[in-house]
């Protein structure tokens, strides 16, 4: 090697033309790399049912979105409603299937985020109040006064259909009496499937559940309706929604938000929709959830 290829330390040096080519290659690679190594699009969902059913449902959704959007898509399971909101806030996921309340919480924490779609049933969702057969209560048009002094379980503390709206309607019916004053014991089961199981077992005399989870469980034969039945159905309210972070277009390409919304609106596979269960998805926006936000504010459930 010639002297021109050495520096004063005695180690070989690289000739200048080769160094220029090396720098040029590095710049080209830097420009090309983002396009060839696209970011994975991640989503989660509130754990409102048995975890095994959720994984089966949302793995199918991930496959569907991946085919529609042309990017890698991953479902990230979480263990609580609060964990779903936290994952969204911390950018561990960019999309989430939220309930009305958790969606409001998430959008407050991540400004610019938008509710894109809701199930066709979610614009007028309902909760069912269920009772163990030992109570002697039957289905009625109004929540009976006889529920006072009984034991009662909500679902998750931040569930729209399992806590927020049931408490709202209870307070309407009983002159703003707090649940822990109305009932002899109040619990929080964590999810709707667990609420049904606890009331069926007689652990609690009463409970509030998402109507769609109840109807799906009854249809699948997972409920002994001789032991537990619906005694009252709430008025309708807005609930579940797909919410997307506001920086999605910046990260995944211009128009990505519209593409995600279009993917949900085009979902027509009966098996995939039946897993929710929903008849289909329709457009949603943040303003639709103002009634939920107002109730949550009144009950002190929003910071």
C-alpha atoms as a PDB file:
ATOM      1  CA  UNK A   1       0.000   0.000   0.000  1.00  0.00           C
ATOM      2  CA  UNK A   2       1.372   3.446  -0.894  1.00  0.00           C
ATOM      3  CA  UNK A   3       2.100   6.220   1.597  1.00  0.00           C
ATOM      4  CA  UNK A   4      -0.981   8.067   0.355  1.00  0.00           C
ATOM      5  CA  UNK A   5      -3.080   5.323   1.887  1.00  0.00           C
ATOM      6  CA  UNK A   6      -1.704   5.806   5.403  1.00  0.00           C
ATOM      7  CA  UNK A   7      -2.140   8.489   8.059  1.00  0.00           C
ATOM      8  CA  UNK A   8       0.405   9.626  10.622  1.00  0.00           C
ATOM      9  CA  UNK A   9      -0.662   6.896  13.036  1.00  0.00           C
ATOM     10  CA  UNK A  10       0.551   4.261  10.614  1.00  0.00           C
ATOM     11  CA  UNK A  11      -2.946   2.826  10.013  1.00  0.00           C
ATOM     12  CA  UNK A  12      -4.228   2.558   6.432  1.00  0.00           C
ATOM     13  CA  UNK A  13      -6.492   5.357   5.175  1.00  0.00           C
ATOM     14  CA  UNK A  14      -9.256   5.233   2.586  1.00  0.00           C
ATOM     15  CA  UNK A  15      -8.657   7.031  -0.700  1.00  0.00           C
ATOM     16  CA  UNK A  16     -10.839  10.135  -1.141  1.00  0.00           C
ATOM     17  CA  UNK A  17     -12.861   8.927  -4.191  1.00  0.00           C
ATOM     18  CA  UNK A  18     -13.810   5.745  -2.341  1.00  0.00           C
ATOM     19  CA  UNK A  19     -14.816   7.755   0.741  1.00  0.00           C
ATOM     20  CA  UNK A  20     -17.098   9.939  -1.370  1.00  0.00           C
ATOM     21  CA  UNK A  21     -18.758   6.847  -2.823  1.00  0.00           C
ATOM     22  CA  UNK A  22     -19.185   5.415   0.694  1.00  0.00           C
ATOM     23  CA  UNK A  23     -20.882   8.587   1.951  1.00  0.00           C
ATOM     24  CA  UNK A  24     -23.121   8.689  -1.126  1.00  0.00           C
ATOM     25  CA  UNK A  25     -24.209   5.066  -0.583  1.00  0.00           C
ATOM     26  CA  UNK A  26     -24.990   5.788   3.064  1.00  0.00           C
ATOM     27  CA  UNK A  27     -27.198   8.726   2.075  1.00  0.00           C
ATOM     28  CA  UNK A  28     -29.059   6.639  -0.495  1.00  0.00           C
ATOM     29  CA  UNK A  29     -29.645   3.876   2.044  1.00  0.00           C
ATOM     30  CA  UNK A  30     -30.923   6.385   4.572  1.00  0.00           C
ATOM     31  CA  UNK A  31     -33.454   7.692   2.066  1.00  0.00           C
ATOM     32  CA  UNK A  32     -34.594   4.264   0.918  1.00  0.00           C
ATOM     33  CA  UNK A  33     -34.743   2.510   4.318  1.00  0.00           C
ATOM     34  CA  UNK A  34     -38.001   4.039   5.645  1.00  0.00           C
ATOM     35  CA  UNK A  35     -39.912   2.968   2.540  1.00  0.00           C
ATOM     36  CA  UNK A  36     -38.618  -0.601   2.708  1.00  0.00           C
ATOM     37  CA  UNK A  37     -38.997  -1.005   6.461  1.00  0.00           C
ATOM     38  CA  UNK A  38     -42.479   0.370   7.103  1.00  0.00           C
ATOM     39  CA  UNK A  39     -43.640   0.854  10.680  1.00  0.00           C
ATOM     40  CA  UNK A  40     -46.029  -1.709  12.132  1.00  0.00           C
ATOM     41  CA  UNK A  41     -49.539  -0.383  12.740  1.00  0.00           C
ATOM     42  CA  UNK A  42     -50.699  -1.546  16.178  1.00  0.00           C
ATOM     43  CA  UNK A  43     -54.125  -1.542  17.794  1.00  0.00           C
ATOM     44  CA  UNK A  44     -55.780  -2.726  20.977  1.00  0.00           C
ATOM     45  CA  UNK A  45     -59.276  -3.137  22.423  1.00  0.00           C
ATOM     46  CA  UNK A  46     -60.886  -2.796  25.824  1.00  0.00           C
ATOM     47  CA  UNK A  47     -61.060  -6.248  27.480  1.00  0.00           C
ATOM     48  CA  UNK A  48     -64.834  -6.413  27.845  1.00  0.00           C
ATOM     49  CA  UNK A  49     -65.046 -10.204  27.442  1.00  0.00           C
ATOM     50  CA  UNK A  50     -63.110 -13.393  28.056  1.00  0.00           C
ATOM     51  CA  UNK A  51     -59.536 -12.884  26.819  1.00  0.00           C
ATOM     52  CA  UNK A  52     -59.460 -15.977  24.599  1.00  0.00           C
ATOM     53  CA  UNK A  53     -62.480 -14.760  22.625  1.00  0.00           C
ATOM     54  CA  UNK A  54     -60.929 -11.314  22.288  1.00  0.00           C
ATOM     55  CA  UNK A  55     -57.675 -12.696  20.897  1.00  0.00           C
ATOM     56  CA  UNK A  56     -59.549 -14.784  18.345  1.00  0.00           C
ATOM     57  CA  UNK A  57     -61.707 -11.832  17.302  1.00  0.00           C
ATOM     58  CA  UNK A  58     -58.992  -9.216  16.982  1.00  0.00           C
ATOM     59  CA  UNK A  59     -56.413 -11.462  15.345  1.00  0.00           C
ATOM     60  CA  UNK A  60     -58.950 -11.772  12.520  1.00  0.00           C
ATOM     61  CA  UNK A  61     -59.347  -7.983  12.497  1.00  0.00           C
ATOM     62  CA  UNK A  62     -55.555  -7.565  12.268  1.00  0.00           C
ATOM     63  CA  UNK A  63     -55.427  -9.884   9.247  1.00  0.00           C
ATOM     64  CA  UNK A  64     -58.274  -7.977   7.597  1.00  0.00           C
ATOM     65  CA  UNK A  65     -56.689  -4.551   8.178  1.00  0.00           C
ATOM     66  CA  UNK A  66     -53.290  -5.751   6.980  1.00  0.00           C
ATOM     67  CA  UNK A  67     -54.789  -6.894   3.684  1.00  0.00           C
ATOM     68  CA  UNK A  68     -56.762  -3.658   3.261  1.00  0.00           C
ATOM     69  CA  UNK A  69     -54.098  -1.148   4.340  1.00  0.00           C
ATOM     70  CA  UNK A  70     -50.968  -2.731   2.900  1.00  0.00           C
ATOM     71  CA  UNK A  71     -48.979  -2.344   6.133  1.00  0.00           C
ATOM     72  CA  UNK A  72     -48.039  -4.780   8.887  1.00  0.00           C
ATOM     73  CA  UNK A  73     -50.798  -4.780  11.526  1.00  0.00           C
ATOM     74  CA  UNK A  74     -50.556  -6.199  15.047  1.00  0.00           C
ATOM     75  CA  UNK A  75     -53.193  -6.652  17.752  1.00  0.00           C
ATOM     76  CA  UNK A  76     -51.852  -5.843  21.234  1.00  0.00           C
ATOM     77  CA  UNK A  77     -53.991  -7.366  24.038  1.00  0.00           C
ATOM     78  CA  UNK A  78     -54.315  -5.498  27.343  1.00  0.00           C
ATOM     79  CA  UNK A  79     -55.608  -6.558  30.749  1.00  0.00           C
ATOM     80  CA  UNK A  80     -57.824  -3.618  31.690  1.00  0.00           C
ATOM     81  CA  UNK A  81     -59.758  -0.680  30.289  1.00  0.00           C
ATOM     82  CA  UNK A  82     -57.217   1.678  31.859  1.00  0.00           C
ATOM     83  CA  UNK A  83     -54.366  -0.212  30.202  1.00  0.00           C
ATOM     84  CA  UNK A  84     -56.017   0.278  26.794  1.00  0.00           C
ATOM     85  CA  UNK A  85     -56.175   4.038  27.350  1.00  0.00           C
ATOM     86  CA  UNK A  86     -52.573   4.095  28.631  1.00  0.00           C
ATOM     87  CA  UNK A  87     -51.292   2.136  25.611  1.00  0.00           C
ATOM     88  CA  UNK A  88     -53.006   4.654  23.322  1.00  0.00           C
ATOM     89  CA  UNK A  89     -51.673   7.635  25.245  1.00  0.00           C
ATOM     90  CA  UNK A  90     -48.108   6.236  25.257  1.00  0.00           C
ATOM     91  CA  UNK A  91     -48.214   5.485  21.511  1.00  0.00           C
ATOM     92  CA  UNK A  92     -47.815   1.751  22.085  1.00  0.00           C
ATOM     93  CA  UNK A  93     -50.864   1.466  19.815  1.00  0.00           C
ATOM     94  CA  UNK A  94     -52.199   3.879  17.222  1.00  0.00           C
ATOM     95  CA  UNK A  95     -55.781   2.583  17.040  1.00  0.00           C
ATOM     96  CA  UNK A  96     -58.162   1.208  19.649  1.00  0.00           C
ATOM     97  CA  UNK A  97     -61.633  -0.280  19.966  1.00  0.00           C
ATOM     98  CA  UNK A  98     -62.891   1.746  22.911  1.00  0.00           C
ATOM     99  CA  UNK A  99     -66.131   2.040  24.796  1.00  0.00           C
ATOM    100  CA  UNK A 100     -67.767   5.459  24.901  1.00  0.00           C
ATOM    101  CA  UNK A 101     -66.045   6.537  28.122  1.00  0.00           C
ATOM    102  CA  UNK A 102     -62.597   5.081  27.424  1.00  0.00           C
ATOM    103  CA  UNK A 103     -62.725   6.684  23.975  1.00  0.00           C
ATOM    104  CA  UNK A 104     -63.462  10.088  25.510  1.00  0.00           C
ATOM    105  CA  UNK A 105     -60.612   9.589  27.996  1.00  0.00           C
ATOM    106  CA  UNK A 106     -58.150   8.593  25.257  1.00  0.00           C
ATOM    107  CA  UNK A 107     -59.037  11.476  22.951  1.00  0.00           C
ATOM    108  CA  UNK A 108     -58.615  13.940  25.805  1.00  0.00           C
ATOM    109  CA  UNK A 109     -55.132  12.561  26.517  1.00  0.00           C
ATOM    110  CA  UNK A 110     -54.065  12.545  22.852  1.00  0.00           C
ATOM    111  CA  UNK A 111     -55.341  15.758  21.219  1.00  0.00           C
ATOM    112  CA  UNK A 112     -56.153  15.428  17.546  1.00  0.00           C
ATOM    113  CA  UNK A 113     -57.307  11.820  17.873  1.00  0.00           C
ATOM    114  CA  UNK A 114     -60.568  10.969  16.146  1.00  0.00           C
ATOM    115  CA  UNK A 115     -63.436   8.532  16.506  1.00  0.00           C
ATOM    116  CA  UNK A 116     -63.630   7.000  13.020  1.00  0.00           C
ATOM    117  CA  UNK A 117     -66.319   4.349  13.127  1.00  0.00           C
ATOM    118  CA  UNK A 118     -68.850   2.683  15.377  1.00  0.00           C
ATOM    119  CA  UNK A 119     -70.977  -0.399  15.058  1.00  0.00           C
ATOM    120  CA  UNK A 120     -74.361   0.210  13.486  1.00  0.00           C
ATOM    121  CA  UNK A 121     -75.792  -0.683  16.911  1.00  0.00           C
ATOM    122  CA  UNK A 122     -73.498   1.656  18.852  1.00  0.00           C
ATOM    123  CA  UNK A 123     -75.359   4.871  18.109  1.00  0.00           C
ATOM    124  CA  UNK A 124     -78.189   3.487  20.281  1.00  0.00           C
ATOM    125  CA  UNK A 125     -76.516   1.062  22.639  1.00  0.00           C
ATOM    126  CA  UNK A 126     -78.082  -0.337  25.820  1.00  0.00           C
ATOM    127  CA  UNK A 127     -77.218  -1.941  29.132  1.00  0.00           C
ATOM    128  CA  UNK A 128     -79.223  -4.755  30.676  1.00  0.00           C
ATOM    129  CA  UNK A 129     -79.854  -5.062  34.383  1.00  0.00           C
ATOM    130  CA  UNK A 130     -79.819  -8.754  35.268  1.00  0.00           C
ATOM    131  CA  UNK A 131     -80.958 -10.549  38.420  1.00  0.00           C
ATOM    132  CA  UNK A 132     -80.501 -13.943  40.056  1.00  0.00           C
ATOM    133  CA  UNK A 133     -83.697 -15.996  40.177  1.00  0.00           C
ATOM    134  CA  UNK A 134     -83.640 -15.934  43.999  1.00  0.00           C
ATOM    135  CA  UNK A 135     -84.598 -12.226  43.911  1.00  0.00           C
ATOM    136  CA  UNK A 136     -88.009 -13.055  42.445  1.00  0.00           C
ATOM    137  CA  UNK A 137     -87.691 -10.098  40.085  1.00  0.00           C
ATOM    138  CA  UNK A 138     -89.183 -10.232  36.592  1.00  0.00           C
ATOM    139  CA  UNK A 139     -88.679  -8.119  33.489  1.00  0.00           C
ATOM    140  CA  UNK A 140     -90.305  -4.687  33.864  1.00  0.00           C
ATOM    141  CA  UNK A 141     -90.590  -1.380  32.008  1.00  0.00           C
ATOM    142  CA  UNK A 142     -89.065   0.467  34.960  1.00  0.00           C
ATOM    143  CA  UNK A 143     -86.341  -0.567  37.382  1.00  0.00           C
ATOM    144  CA  UNK A 144     -88.260  -1.828  40.439  1.00  0.00           C
ATOM    145  CA  UNK A 145     -87.862  -0.220  43.848  1.00  0.00           C
ATOM    146  CA  UNK A 146     -87.286  -3.725  45.255  1.00  0.00           C
ATOM    147  CA  UNK A 147     -83.633  -3.612  44.076  1.00  0.00           C
ATOM    148  CA  UNK A 148     -82.798  -1.345  47.027  1.00  0.00           C
ATOM    149  CA  UNK A 149     -80.730  -3.136  49.637  1.00  0.00           C
ATOM    150  CA  UNK A 150     -79.688  -5.986  47.317  1.00  0.00           C
ATOM    151  CA  UNK A 151     -76.133  -6.752  46.229  1.00  0.00           C
ATOM    152  CA  UNK A 152     -75.009  -5.366  42.875  1.00  0.00           C
ATOM    153  CA  UNK A 153     -71.999  -5.648  40.563  1.00  0.00           C
ATOM    154  CA  UNK A 154     -70.908  -3.358  37.782  1.00  0.00           C
ATOM    155  CA  UNK A 155     -68.364  -4.453  35.160  1.00  0.00           C
ATOM    156  CA  UNK A 156     -65.127  -2.502  34.820  1.00  0.00           C
ATOM    157  CA  UNK A 157     -64.980   0.779  36.732  1.00  0.00           C
ATOM    158  CA  UNK A 158     -64.522   2.673  33.460  1.00  0.00           C
ATOM    159  CA  UNK A 159     -66.930   0.662  31.314  1.00  0.00           C
ATOM    160  CA  UNK A 160     -69.574   2.759  29.574  1.00  0.00           C
ATOM    161  CA  UNK A 161     -72.174  -0.021  29.390  1.00  0.00           C
ATOM    162  CA  UNK A 162     -71.066  -1.835  32.541  1.00  0.00           C
ATOM    163  CA  UNK A 163     -70.730   1.119  34.906  1.00  0.00           C
ATOM    164  CA  UNK A 164     -71.048   4.699  33.608  1.00  0.00           C
ATOM    165  CA  UNK A 165     -74.516   4.613  32.039  1.00  0.00           C
ATOM    166  CA  UNK A 166     -75.980   2.067  34.506  1.00  0.00           C
ATOM    167  CA  UNK A 167     -74.950   4.323  37.384  1.00  0.00           C
ATOM    168  CA  UNK A 168     -76.398   7.329  35.548  1.00  0.00           C
ATOM    169  CA  UNK A 169     -79.772   5.615  35.137  1.00  0.00           C
ATOM    170  CA  UNK A 170     -79.729   4.314  38.717  1.00  0.00           C
ATOM    171  CA  UNK A 171     -79.214   7.846  40.001  1.00  0.00           C
ATOM    172  CA  UNK A 172     -82.037   9.086  37.764  1.00  0.00           C
ATOM    173  CA  UNK A 173     -84.377   6.433  39.151  1.00  0.00           C
ATOM    174  CA  UNK A 174     -83.442   6.815  42.830  1.00  0.00           C
ATOM    175  CA  UNK A 175     -83.107  10.586  43.350  1.00  0.00           C
ATOM    176  CA  UNK A 176     -79.326  10.727  42.763  1.00  0.00           C
ATOM    177  CA  UNK A 177     -78.609   8.120  45.428  1.00  0.00           C
ATOM    178  CA  UNK A 178     -75.071   6.772  45.062  1.00  0.00           C
ATOM    179  CA  UNK A 179     -74.836   3.016  44.341  1.00  0.00           C
ATOM    180  CA  UNK A 180     -73.002   2.246  47.589  1.00  0.00           C
ATOM    181  CA  UNK A 181     -75.909   3.840  49.472  1.00  0.00           C
ATOM    182  CA  UNK A 182     -78.588   2.190  47.354  1.00  0.00           C
ATOM    183  CA  UNK A 183     -77.226  -1.377  47.550  1.00  0.00           C
ATOM    184  CA  UNK A 184     -75.993  -3.425  50.503  1.00  0.00           C
ATOM    185  CA  UNK A 185     -72.814  -4.361  48.613  1.00  0.00           C
ATOM    186  CA  UNK A 186     -71.324  -3.080  45.329  1.00  0.00           C
ATOM    187  CA  UNK A 187     -68.679  -4.818  43.267  1.00  0.00           C
ATOM    188  CA  UNK A 188     -66.765  -4.364  40.005  1.00  0.00           C
ATOM    189  CA  UNK A 189     -66.350  -7.616  38.109  1.00  0.00           C
ATOM    190  CA  UNK A 190     -63.882  -6.340  35.498  1.00  0.00           C
ATOM    191  CA  UNK A 191     -65.799  -7.429  32.381  1.00  0.00           C
ATOM    192  CA  UNK A 192     -69.288  -8.305  31.176  1.00  0.00           C
ATOM    193  CA  UNK A 193     -68.742 -12.062  30.940  1.00  0.00           C
ATOM    194  CA  UNK A 194     -67.608 -12.089  34.552  1.00  0.00           C
ATOM    195  CA  UNK A 195     -70.642 -10.025  35.630  1.00  0.00           C
ATOM    196  CA  UNK A 196     -72.980 -12.598  34.089  1.00  0.00           C
ATOM    197  CA  UNK A 197     -71.112 -15.444  35.776  1.00  0.00           C
ATOM    198  CA  UNK A 198     -71.185 -13.768  39.201  1.00  0.00           C
ATOM    199  CA  UNK A 199     -74.933 -13.074  39.079  1.00  0.00           C
ATOM    200  CA  UNK A 200     -75.688 -16.534  37.705  1.00  0.00           C
ATOM    201  CA  UNK A 201     -73.720 -18.034  40.607  1.00  0.00           C
ATOM    202  CA  UNK A 202     -75.580 -15.894  43.140  1.00  0.00           C
ATOM    203  CA  UNK A 203     -72.411 -14.095  44.264  1.00  0.00           C
ATOM    204  CA  UNK A 204     -74.306 -10.895  43.509  1.00  0.00           C
ATOM    205  CA  UNK A 205     -78.070 -10.612  43.228  1.00  0.00           C
ATOM    206  CA  UNK A 206     -77.953  -7.973  40.500  1.00  0.00           C
ATOM    207  CA  UNK A 207     -75.616  -6.735  37.796  1.00  0.00           C
ATOM    208  CA  UNK A 208     -75.324  -4.429  34.779  1.00  0.00           C
ATOM    209  CA  UNK A 209     -74.074  -5.781  31.460  1.00  0.00           C
ATOM    210  CA  UNK A 210     -73.508  -4.822  27.846  1.00  0.00           C
ATOM    211  CA  UNK A 211     -76.615  -5.995  26.004  1.00  0.00           C
ATOM    212  CA  UNK A 212     -74.684  -7.415  23.038  1.00  0.00           C
ATOM    213  CA  UNK A 213     -72.425  -9.544  25.270  1.00  0.00           C
ATOM    214  CA  UNK A 214     -75.508 -10.854  27.082  1.00  0.00           C
ATOM    215  CA  UNK A 215     -77.369 -11.732  23.886  1.00  0.00           C
ATOM    216  CA  UNK A 216     -74.317 -13.390  22.329  1.00  0.00           C
ATOM    217  CA  UNK A 217     -73.711 -15.433  25.498  1.00  0.00           C
ATOM    218  CA  UNK A 218     -77.350 -16.560  25.639  1.00  0.00           C
ATOM    219  CA  UNK A 219     -77.330 -17.487  21.950  1.00  0.00           C
ATOM    220  CA  UNK A 220     -74.117 -19.499  22.455  1.00  0.00           C
ATOM    221  CA  UNK A 221     -75.612 -21.367  25.421  1.00  0.00           C
ATOM    222  CA  UNK A 222     -73.161 -19.916  27.948  1.00  0.00           C
ATOM    223  CA  UNK A 223     -75.918 -18.626  30.285  1.00  0.00           C
ATOM    224  CA  UNK A 224     -78.344 -20.595  32.448  1.00  0.00           C
ATOM    225  CA  UNK A 225     -81.433 -18.420  32.006  1.00  0.00           C
ATOM    226  CA  UNK A 226     -83.220 -20.382  34.733  1.00  0.00           C
ATOM    227  CA  UNK A 227     -80.774 -18.820  37.193  1.00  0.00           C
ATOM    228  CA  UNK A 228     -80.267 -15.319  35.779  1.00  0.00           C
ATOM    229  CA  UNK A 229     -82.457 -13.120  33.579  1.00  0.00           C
ATOM    230  CA  UNK A 230     -82.894  -9.552  32.327  1.00  0.00           C
ATOM    231  CA  UNK A 231     -85.146  -7.413  34.517  1.00  0.00           C
ATOM    232  CA  UNK A 232     -84.693  -3.996  32.879  1.00  0.00           C
ATOM    233  CA  UNK A 233     -83.260  -2.447  29.706  1.00  0.00           C
ATOM    234  CA  UNK A 234     -81.824   1.066  29.770  1.00  0.00           C
ATOM    235  CA  UNK A 235     -82.664   3.855  27.324  1.00  0.00           C
ATOM    236  CA  UNK A 236     -80.200   4.054  24.385  1.00  0.00           C
ATOM    237  CA  UNK A 237     -76.886   5.936  24.410  1.00  0.00           C
ATOM    238  CA  UNK A 238     -73.735   6.103  22.184  1.00  0.00           C
ATOM    239  CA  UNK A 239     -71.020   3.598  23.001  1.00  0.00           C
ATOM    240  CA  UNK A 240     -68.223   1.648  21.272  1.00  0.00           C
ATOM    241  CA  UNK A 241     -65.953   3.262  18.677  1.00  0.00           C
ATOM    242  CA  UNK A 242     -62.712   2.872  16.753  1.00  0.00           C
ATOM    243  CA  UNK A 243     -60.436   5.780  17.689  1.00  0.00           C
ATOM    244  CA  UNK A 244     -57.248   6.641  15.763  1.00  0.00           C
ATOM    245  CA  UNK A 245     -54.335   8.818  16.870  1.00  0.00           C
ATOM    246  CA  UNK A 246     -54.137  12.196  15.180  1.00  0.00           C
ATOM    247  CA  UNK A 247     -50.601  11.655  13.856  1.00  0.00           C
ATOM    248  CA  UNK A 248     -51.500   8.587  11.766  1.00  0.00           C
ATOM    249  CA  UNK A 249     -51.251  10.347   8.379  1.00  0.00           C
ATOM    250  CA  UNK A 250     -47.851  11.770   9.264  1.00  0.00           C
ATOM    251  CA  UNK A 251     -46.533   8.337  10.188  1.00  0.00           C
ATOM    252  CA  UNK A 252     -48.241   6.023   7.707  1.00  0.00           C
ATOM    253  CA  UNK A 253     -48.813   8.322   4.755  1.00  0.00           C
ATOM    254  CA  UNK A 254     -51.236  11.014   3.674  1.00  0.00           C
ATOM    255  CA  UNK A 255     -54.793   9.751   3.562  1.00  0.00           C
ATOM    256  CA  UNK A 256     -54.118   6.860   5.952  1.00  0.00           C
ATOM    257  CA  UNK A 257     -56.876   7.997   8.339  1.00  0.00           C
ATOM    258  CA  UNK A 258     -59.423   7.875   5.518  1.00  0.00           C
ATOM    259  CA  UNK A 259     -58.135   4.437   4.489  1.00  0.00           C
ATOM    260  CA  UNK A 260     -58.580   3.050   8.010  1.00  0.00           C
ATOM    261  CA  UNK A 261     -62.122   4.415   8.215  1.00  0.00           C
ATOM    262  CA  UNK A 262     -62.940   3.026   4.767  1.00  0.00           C
ATOM    263  CA  UNK A 263     -61.634  -0.394   5.810  1.00  0.00           C
ATOM    264  CA  UNK A 264     -64.086  -0.567   8.706  1.00  0.00           C
ATOM    265  CA  UNK A 265     -67.002   0.759   6.677  1.00  0.00           C
ATOM    266  CA  UNK A 266     -66.311  -1.891   4.022  1.00  0.00           C
ATOM    267  CA  UNK A 267     -66.117  -4.788   6.511  1.00  0.00           C
ATOM    268  CA  UNK A 268     -68.874  -7.165   5.412  1.00  0.00           C
ATOM    269  CA  UNK A 269     -67.678 -10.647   6.391  1.00  0.00           C
ATOM    270  CA  UNK A 270     -70.538 -12.047   8.546  1.00  0.00           C
ATOM    271  CA  UNK A 271     -68.128 -14.173  10.588  1.00  0.00           C
ATOM    272  CA  UNK A 272     -65.858 -11.228  11.347  1.00  0.00           C
ATOM    273  CA  UNK A 273     -68.757  -8.892  12.145  1.00  0.00           C
ATOM    274  CA  UNK A 274     -70.471 -11.589  14.184  1.00  0.00           C
ATOM    275  CA  UNK A 275     -67.473 -11.796  16.489  1.00  0.00           C
ATOM    276  CA  UNK A 276     -68.173  -8.265  17.794  1.00  0.00           C
ATOM    277  CA  UNK A 277     -71.207  -8.806  17.350  1.00  0.00           C
ATOM    278  CA  UNK A 278     -72.227  -6.027  14.935  1.00  0.00           C
ATOM    279  CA  UNK A 279     -74.266  -5.890  11.749  1.00  0.00           C
ATOM    280  CA  UNK A 280     -71.699  -3.525  10.252  1.00  0.00           C
ATOM    281  CA  UNK A 281     -69.752  -0.325  10.907  1.00  0.00           C
ATOM    282  CA  UNK A 282     -70.866   3.244  10.224  1.00  0.00           C
ATOM    283  CA  UNK A 283     -69.022   6.604  10.333  1.00  0.00           C
ATOM    284  CA  UNK A 284     -68.460   8.209  13.735  1.00  0.00           C
ATOM    285  CA  UNK A 285     -66.996  11.460  15.022  1.00  0.00           C
ATOM    286  CA  UNK A 286     -65.992  12.891  18.376  1.00  0.00           C
ATOM    287  CA  UNK A 287     -69.132  15.024  18.725  1.00  0.00           C
ATOM    288  CA  UNK A 288     -71.324  11.915  18.894  1.00  0.00           C
ATOM    289  CA  UNK A 289     -69.893  11.109  22.330  1.00  0.00           C
ATOM    290  CA  UNK A 290     -70.714  14.438  23.967  1.00  0.00           C
ATOM    291  CA  UNK A 291     -73.567  12.834  26.005  1.00  0.00           C
ATOM    292  CA  UNK A 292     -71.138  10.248  27.427  1.00  0.00           C
ATOM    293  CA  UNK A 293     -68.630  12.972  28.249  1.00  0.00           C
ATOM    294  CA  UNK A 294     -71.309  15.013  30.028  1.00  0.00           C
ATOM    295  CA  UNK A 295     -72.378  12.060  32.198  1.00  0.00           C
ATOM    296  CA  UNK A 296     -68.758  11.196  32.983  1.00  0.00           C
ATOM    297  CA  UNK A 297     -68.094  14.802  34.018  1.00  0.00           C
ATOM    298  CA  UNK A 298     -71.171  14.791  36.261  1.00  0.00           C
ATOM    299  CA  UNK A 299     -70.055  11.566  37.959  1.00  0.00           C
ATOM    300  CA  UNK A 300     -66.481  12.799  38.397  1.00  0.00           C
ATOM    301  CA  UNK A 301     -64.964  10.131  36.148  1.00  0.00           C
ATOM    302  CA  UNK A 302     -62.952  12.522  33.975  1.00  0.00           C
ATOM    303  CA  UNK A 303     -59.906  14.476  35.089  1.00  0.00           C
END
